[in-house]
Amino acid sequence: MSHKSYKKPFSLARLIRVVLNRAEPLVEWIIRICGWSATFFVIAIFFFVFREAAPLLFGGLNLVEFFTSPNWQPSSEVRPQYGILALLAGSLSVTALATLLAMPLGLGAAVYISEFAKGKTKEILKVTVELLAAVPSVVWGFIGYMVVGSIIIKLTGAPVGVNLLNGGIILALMSVPVIVSVGEDALKAVPDSYREAALAMGASRWEIVYRVLFPAAKSGLLAAVLLGVGRAIGETMAVLMATGHAVQIPHSLLDPIRTLTATIAAELGEAVEGDTHYQVLFLIGVVLFVITFIVNLTADLVVKGFRTEKDY
């Protein structure tokens, strides 16, 4: 009796499984490269900016005057001055004002969407928030220049409507969608058992929010606020159009200001490549990198501190 070899019938699923098994190492390397690429791009950008600013960091500029002088006159033919104190004060003041305005508004909207809104109302609000995040910064700047500026002049009697208050309002509106989206996700991540236990103990809905949800989601809510701060401190076009672009240390909300980012955007195209003015603008970029790093590091340390407290 002859013996015939048995062959398994062709199977598409079997073919796909064989291909995936052979391609698995390649897929792992692609995922690994994608993961490391973000770090590589950040390092490459910092290297590019630092390379242009390096001659000034090592003896080419008086760094004490650079950080402490409010005089920014790079085009002076007598004695160019490169003091960023007024620019730094403008950036920090408009960011602080935007954060103070955006934090309660963004967290309040996140709480309402997550815990109180139902059905179509919730979906409409979520879509509206996403649409606000998609509005280009130049459009926000135009709104600040044409709409918010006119309102500020009518309500306060200010001589000009483009000032610190205008920039703070516009940056707050730009930061709110980020805070709402991340804050809502943080509140959703709180287990429903926390809410049910609080209800069983007789807590009202508002007591659940500020006594249960806020402590449980504080690391995510802090991350939401800090992401909003990052959006505000790195914004360029909107503050360029809405703040008046005047080099001075602000003493009131109605004073025009100029920020670090707006200075780079306005003057980099006019600076001669390789000269001191050009390199100082890149040095301002290094300062912005350092400020952003400090904000992110602080957020990371605070969030880790919260997690450690939870573990105990």
Protein backbone atom coordinates (compact mmCIF):
# COMPACT_ATOMS: atom_id res chain seq x y z
CA MET A 1 0.00 0.00 0.00
CA SER A 2 1.62 3.25 -1.16
CA HIS A 3 1.99 6.09 1.25
CA LYS A 4 1.27 9.59 -0.05
CA SER A 5 2.56 12.70 1.76
CA TYR A 6 -0.18 14.88 3.21
CA LYS A 7 -0.12 18.62 2.42
CA LYS A 8 -2.08 21.18 4.39
CA PRO A 9 -4.51 23.19 2.28
CA PHE A 10 -3.64 26.82 1.51
CA SER A 11 -4.93 29.23 4.14
CA LEU A 12 -4.82 33.02 3.92
CA ALA A 13 -4.71 33.31 7.70
CA ARG A 14 -1.74 30.94 7.80
CA LEU A 15 0.06 32.98 5.14
CA ILE A 16 -0.52 36.22 7.07
CA ARG A 17 0.74 34.58 10.26
CA VAL A 18 3.93 33.42 8.53
CA VAL A 19 4.55 36.87 7.04
CA LEU A 20 3.98 38.57 10.39
CA ASN A 21 6.30 36.17 12.18
CA ARG A 22 9.08 36.87 9.70
CA ALA A 23 8.43 40.62 9.69
CA GLU A 24 8.23 40.93 13.48
CA PRO A 25 11.90 41.95 13.99
CA LEU A 26 11.57 44.60 11.28
CA VAL A 27 8.38 45.97 12.86
CA GLU A 28 10.07 46.09 16.26
CA TRP A 29 12.96 48.11 14.84
CA ILE A 30 10.58 50.50 13.05
CA ILE A 31 8.67 51.10 16.31
CA ARG A 32 11.95 51.58 18.17
CA ILE A 33 13.18 54.10 15.59
CA CYS A 34 9.89 56.00 15.78
CA GLY A 35 10.20 56.15 19.55
CA TRP A 36 13.77 57.46 19.49
CA SER A 37 13.10 59.85 16.59
CA ALA A 38 11.25 62.33 18.84
CA THR A 39 14.26 62.56 21.15
CA PHE A 40 16.61 62.85 18.18
CA PHE A 41 14.60 65.69 16.61
CA VAL A 42 14.52 67.65 19.89
CA ILE A 43 18.29 67.23 20.32
CA ALA A 44 18.87 68.22 16.67
CA ILE A 45 16.77 71.37 17.01
CA PHE A 46 18.54 72.36 20.22
CA PHE A 47 21.94 71.70 18.60
CA PHE A 48 21.03 73.90 15.62
CA VAL A 49 19.86 76.77 17.82
CA PHE A 50 22.76 76.40 20.27
CA ARG A 51 25.33 76.30 17.44
CA GLU A 52 24.22 79.69 16.16
CA ALA A 53 24.17 81.21 19.66
CA ALA A 54 27.41 79.60 20.93
CA PRO A 55 29.78 82.47 19.90
CA LEU A 56 27.85 84.85 22.15
CA LEU A 57 27.70 82.45 25.08
CA PHE A 58 31.48 82.13 25.22
CA GLY A 59 32.71 85.69 25.43
CA GLY A 60 30.98 87.36 22.50
CA LEU A 61 28.33 89.15 24.58
CA ASN A 62 27.96 90.66 28.03
CA LEU A 63 25.46 88.16 29.45
CA VAL A 64 24.85 90.22 32.60
CA GLU A 65 23.69 93.15 30.49
CA PHE A 66 21.80 90.74 28.23
CA PHE A 67 19.62 89.48 31.10
CA THR A 68 19.37 92.62 33.24
CA SER A 69 19.06 95.48 30.75
CA PRO A 70 15.60 96.53 29.50
CA ASN A 71 17.10 98.25 26.46
CA TRP A 72 16.57 96.41 23.18
CA GLN A 73 18.05 98.48 20.33
CA PRO A 74 19.76 96.05 17.94
CA SER A 75 19.68 98.43 14.97
CA SER A 76 21.35 101.40 16.68
CA GLU A 77 24.29 102.69 14.69
CA VAL A 78 25.93 104.30 17.76
CA ARG A 79 25.80 101.42 20.25
CA PRO A 80 23.54 98.41 19.64
CA GLN A 81 21.96 97.17 22.88
CA TYR A 82 20.71 93.64 23.40
CA GLY A 83 18.92 93.62 26.77
CA ILE A 84 16.01 91.17 27.03
CA LEU A 85 14.72 92.06 30.51
CA ALA A 86 11.69 93.89 29.08
CA LEU A 87 11.06 91.09 26.57
CA LEU A 88 11.33 88.47 29.31
CA ALA A 89 8.98 90.46 31.55
CA GLY A 90 6.50 90.76 28.69
CA SER A 91 6.57 87.01 27.99
CA LEU A 92 6.19 85.99 31.63
CA SER A 93 3.47 88.56 32.38
CA VAL A 94 1.27 87.67 29.42
CA THR A 95 1.75 83.95 30.12
CA ALA A 96 0.85 84.40 33.79
CA LEU A 97 -2.25 86.43 32.91
CA ALA A 98 -3.34 83.88 30.30
CA THR A 99 -2.88 81.05 32.81
CA LEU A 100 -4.92 82.85 35.47
CA LEU A 101 -7.74 83.36 32.98
CA ALA A 102 -7.58 79.96 31.28
CA MET A 103 -7.17 77.70 34.32
CA PRO A 104 -10.61 78.21 35.96
CA LEU A 105 -12.35 78.45 32.60
CA GLY A 106 -10.67 75.33 31.18
CA LEU A 107 -11.00 73.18 34.31
CA GLY A 108 -14.61 74.30 34.79
CA ALA A 109 -15.46 73.37 31.21
CA ALA A 110 -13.70 70.02 31.61
CA VAL A 111 -15.71 69.25 34.75
CA TYR A 112 -18.98 70.23 33.10
CA ILE A 113 -18.35 68.16 29.97
CA SER A 114 -17.13 65.15 31.93
CA GLU A 115 -19.59 65.09 34.83
CA PHE A 116 -22.67 67.19 34.07
CA ALA A 117 -23.31 67.42 30.31
CA LYS A 118 -25.36 64.64 28.78
CA GLY A 119 -26.28 63.41 25.31
CA LYS A 120 -26.15 65.87 22.44
CA THR A 121 -25.05 68.75 24.66
CA LYS A 122 -21.89 66.87 25.59
CA GLU A 123 -21.11 65.96 21.98
CA ILE A 124 -21.69 69.52 20.75
CA LEU A 125 -19.43 70.97 23.43
CA LYS A 126 -16.65 68.46 22.69
CA VAL A 127 -16.80 69.24 18.96
CA THR A 128 -16.80 72.97 19.67
CA VAL A 129 -13.72 72.68 21.88
CA GLU A 130 -11.92 70.68 19.19
CA LEU A 131 -12.82 73.33 16.59
CA LEU A 132 -11.41 76.07 18.87
CA ALA A 133 -8.13 74.15 19.05
CA ALA A 134 -8.01 74.05 15.25
CA VAL A 135 -8.28 77.83 14.77
CA PRO A 136 -4.93 79.16 13.42
CA SER A 137 -2.98 81.51 15.66
CA VAL A 138 -3.02 84.27 13.04
CA VAL A 139 -6.83 84.22 13.15
CA TRP A 140 -6.72 84.58 16.93
CA GLY A 141 -4.31 87.48 16.47
CA PHE A 142 -6.69 89.12 14.02
CA ILE A 143 -9.58 88.69 16.48
CA GLY A 144 -7.46 90.26 19.20
CA TYR A 145 -6.46 93.17 17.00
CA MET A 146 -9.89 93.94 15.52
CA VAL A 147 -12.44 92.73 18.11
CA VAL A 148 -10.93 92.42 21.58
CA GLY A 149 -8.90 95.61 21.12
CA SER A 150 -12.03 97.64 20.32
CA ILE A 151 -13.84 96.22 23.35
CA ILE A 152 -10.92 97.06 25.65
CA ILE A 153 -10.82 100.66 24.38
CA LYS A 154 -14.57 101.09 24.95
CA LEU A 155 -14.61 99.53 28.42
CA THR A 156 -11.37 100.96 29.85
CA GLY A 157 -10.71 104.11 27.83
CA ALA A 158 -7.20 102.89 27.02
CA PRO A 159 -5.45 104.80 24.20
CA VAL A 160 -4.73 101.54 22.35
CA GLY A 161 -6.44 98.17 22.45
CA VAL A 162 -3.37 96.04 21.76
CA ASN A 163 -1.71 95.53 25.13
CA LEU A 164 -0.99 93.03 27.89
CA LEU A 165 -4.68 92.48 28.66
CA ASN A 166 -5.51 91.80 25.03
CA GLY A 167 -2.66 89.31 24.68
CA GLY A 168 -3.61 87.57 27.93
CA ILE A 169 -7.23 87.14 26.82
CA ILE A 170 -6.27 85.77 23.41
CA LEU A 171 -3.69 83.36 24.84
CA ALA A 172 -6.22 82.22 27.44
CA LEU A 173 -8.74 81.43 24.72
CA MET A 174 -6.05 79.53 22.81
CA SER A 175 -5.04 77.55 25.91
CA VAL A 176 -8.55 76.60 27.03
CA PRO A 177 -9.08 73.82 24.41
CA VAL A 178 -5.86 72.10 25.50
CA ILE A 179 -6.80 72.30 29.19
CA VAL A 180 -10.34 71.07 28.50
CA SER A 181 -9.27 68.08 26.41
CA VAL A 182 -6.52 66.86 28.76
CA GLY A 183 -8.52 67.71 31.89
CA GLU A 184 -11.57 65.80 30.68
CA ASP A 185 -9.43 62.73 29.96
CA ALA A 186 -7.95 62.95 33.47
CA LEU A 187 -11.41 63.12 35.07
CA LYS A 188 -12.65 60.22 32.94
CA ALA A 189 -9.72 58.11 34.12
CA VAL A 190 -10.99 58.26 37.72
CA PRO A 191 -12.74 54.91 38.43
CA ASP A 192 -16.53 55.01 38.70
CA SER A 193 -16.26 53.22 42.04
CA TYR A 194 -14.98 56.51 43.54
CA ARG A 195 -18.14 58.32 42.40
CA GLU A 196 -20.41 55.50 43.55
CA ALA A 197 -18.79 55.37 46.98
CA ALA A 198 -19.16 59.14 47.40
CA LEU A 199 -22.83 58.97 46.35
CA ALA A 200 -23.44 56.15 48.79
CA MET A 201 -22.09 58.36 51.58
CA GLY A 202 -24.52 61.13 50.65
CA ALA A 203 -22.16 63.51 48.84
CA SER A 204 -23.64 65.97 46.36
CA ARG A 205 -22.37 66.17 42.78
CA TRP A 206 -20.25 69.25 43.53
CA GLU A 207 -18.80 67.60 46.63
CA ILE A 208 -17.85 64.62 44.47
CA VAL A 209 -16.07 66.97 42.08
CA TYR A 210 -13.90 68.91 44.53
CA ARG A 211 -13.50 66.30 47.27
CA VAL A 212 -13.13 63.12 45.20
CA LEU A 213 -12.40 63.81 41.53
CA PHE A 214 -9.97 66.70 41.91
CA PRO A 215 -7.71 64.91 44.43
CA ALA A 216 -7.84 61.67 42.41
CA ALA A 217 -7.07 63.36 39.08
CA LYS A 218 -4.76 66.13 40.31
CA SER A 219 -1.73 64.89 38.38
CA GLY A 220 -3.67 64.86 35.10
CA LEU A 221 -5.25 68.23 35.80
CA LEU A 222 -1.84 69.70 36.60
CA ALA A 223 -0.54 68.31 33.32
CA ALA A 224 -3.47 69.95 31.53
CA VAL A 225 -2.69 73.36 33.05
CA LEU A 226 1.02 73.08 32.28
CA LEU A 227 0.28 72.11 28.69
CA GLY A 228 -1.81 75.26 28.50
CA VAL A 229 1.12 77.25 29.91
CA GLY A 230 3.39 75.70 27.28
CA ARG A 231 0.96 76.72 24.55
CA ALA A 232 0.87 80.27 25.88
CA ILE A 233 4.60 80.79 26.39
CA GLY A 234 5.48 79.44 22.95
CA GLU A 235 2.86 81.33 20.97
CA THR A 236 4.16 83.79 18.39
CA MET A 237 1.81 85.25 15.82
CA ALA A 238 -1.14 85.95 18.13
CA VAL A 239 0.94 87.86 20.67
CA LEU A 240 2.75 89.68 17.88
CA MET A 241 -0.59 91.09 16.68
CA ALA A 242 -2.39 91.53 20.02
CA THR A 243 0.18 92.94 22.47
CA GLY A 244 1.32 96.16 20.80
CA HIS A 245 4.93 95.06 20.25
CA ALA A 246 6.42 97.76 22.48
CA VAL A 247 9.70 97.12 24.33
CA GLN A 248 8.90 98.07 27.92
CA ILE A 249 8.38 96.47 31.31
CA PRO A 250 4.60 96.48 31.90
CA HIS A 251 3.25 98.31 34.96
CA SER A 252 -0.45 97.78 34.24
CA LEU A 253 -2.69 95.50 32.19
CA LEU A 254 -3.17 98.24 29.61
CA ASP A 255 0.53 98.65 28.76
CA PRO A 256 1.71 97.38 25.36
CA ILE A 257 4.42 94.74 25.61
CA ARG A 258 6.71 92.64 23.44
CA THR A 259 7.49 88.96 23.99
CA LEU A 260 10.57 86.87 23.24
CA THR A 261 8.83 84.80 20.58
CA ALA A 262 7.37 87.84 18.83
CA THR A 263 10.81 89.46 18.73
CA ILE A 264 12.30 86.43 16.96
CA ALA A 265 9.44 86.32 14.47
CA ALA A 266 9.56 90.04 13.71
CA GLU A 267 13.33 90.51 13.40
CA LEU A 268 14.87 87.26 12.18
CA GLY A 269 13.97 87.99 8.57
CA GLU A 270 15.70 91.39 8.73
CA ALA A 271 18.87 90.29 10.55
CA VAL A 272 22.01 89.66 8.52
CA GLU A 273 23.05 86.03 8.78
CA GLY A 274 26.07 85.61 11.03
CA ASP A 275 26.13 89.06 12.63
CA THR A 276 25.55 89.79 16.33
CA HIS A 277 21.85 90.63 15.96
CA TYR A 278 21.26 87.33 14.17
CA GLN A 279 23.09 85.35 16.85
CA VAL A 280 21.30 87.16 19.69
CA LEU A 281 17.96 86.07 18.26
CA PHE A 282 19.13 82.47 18.40
CA LEU A 283 20.33 83.09 21.96
CA ILE A 284 16.77 84.16 22.78
CA GLY A 285 15.70 80.82 21.34
CA VAL A 286 18.05 79.07 23.78
CA VAL A 287 16.46 81.06 26.64
CA LEU A 288 13.03 79.88 25.51
CA PHE A 289 14.31 76.29 25.42
CA VAL A 290 15.55 76.63 29.01
CA ILE A 291 12.25 78.13 30.21
CA THR A 292 10.26 75.33 28.56
CA PHE A 293 12.59 72.72 30.04
CA ILE A 294 12.15 74.17 33.53
CA VAL A 295 8.34 74.15 33.16
CA ASN A 296 8.31 70.54 31.94
CA LEU A 297 10.78 69.39 34.60
CA THR A 298 8.74 71.05 37.34
CA ALA A 299 5.58 69.38 36.06
CA ASP A 300 7.29 65.99 35.94
CA LEU A 301 8.62 66.32 39.49
CA VAL A 302 5.27 67.48 40.84
CA VAL A 303 3.36 64.68 39.09
CA LYS A 304 5.85 62.10 40.39
CA GLY A 305 5.41 63.57 43.86
CA PHE A 306 1.64 63.14 43.60
CA ARG A 307 2.06 59.53 42.47
CA THR A 308 4.41 58.82 45.37
CA GLU A 309 1.84 60.21 47.80
CA LYS A 310 -0.77 57.89 46.25
CA ASP A 311 1.47 54.87 46.73
CA TYR A 312 1.71 55.62 50.42
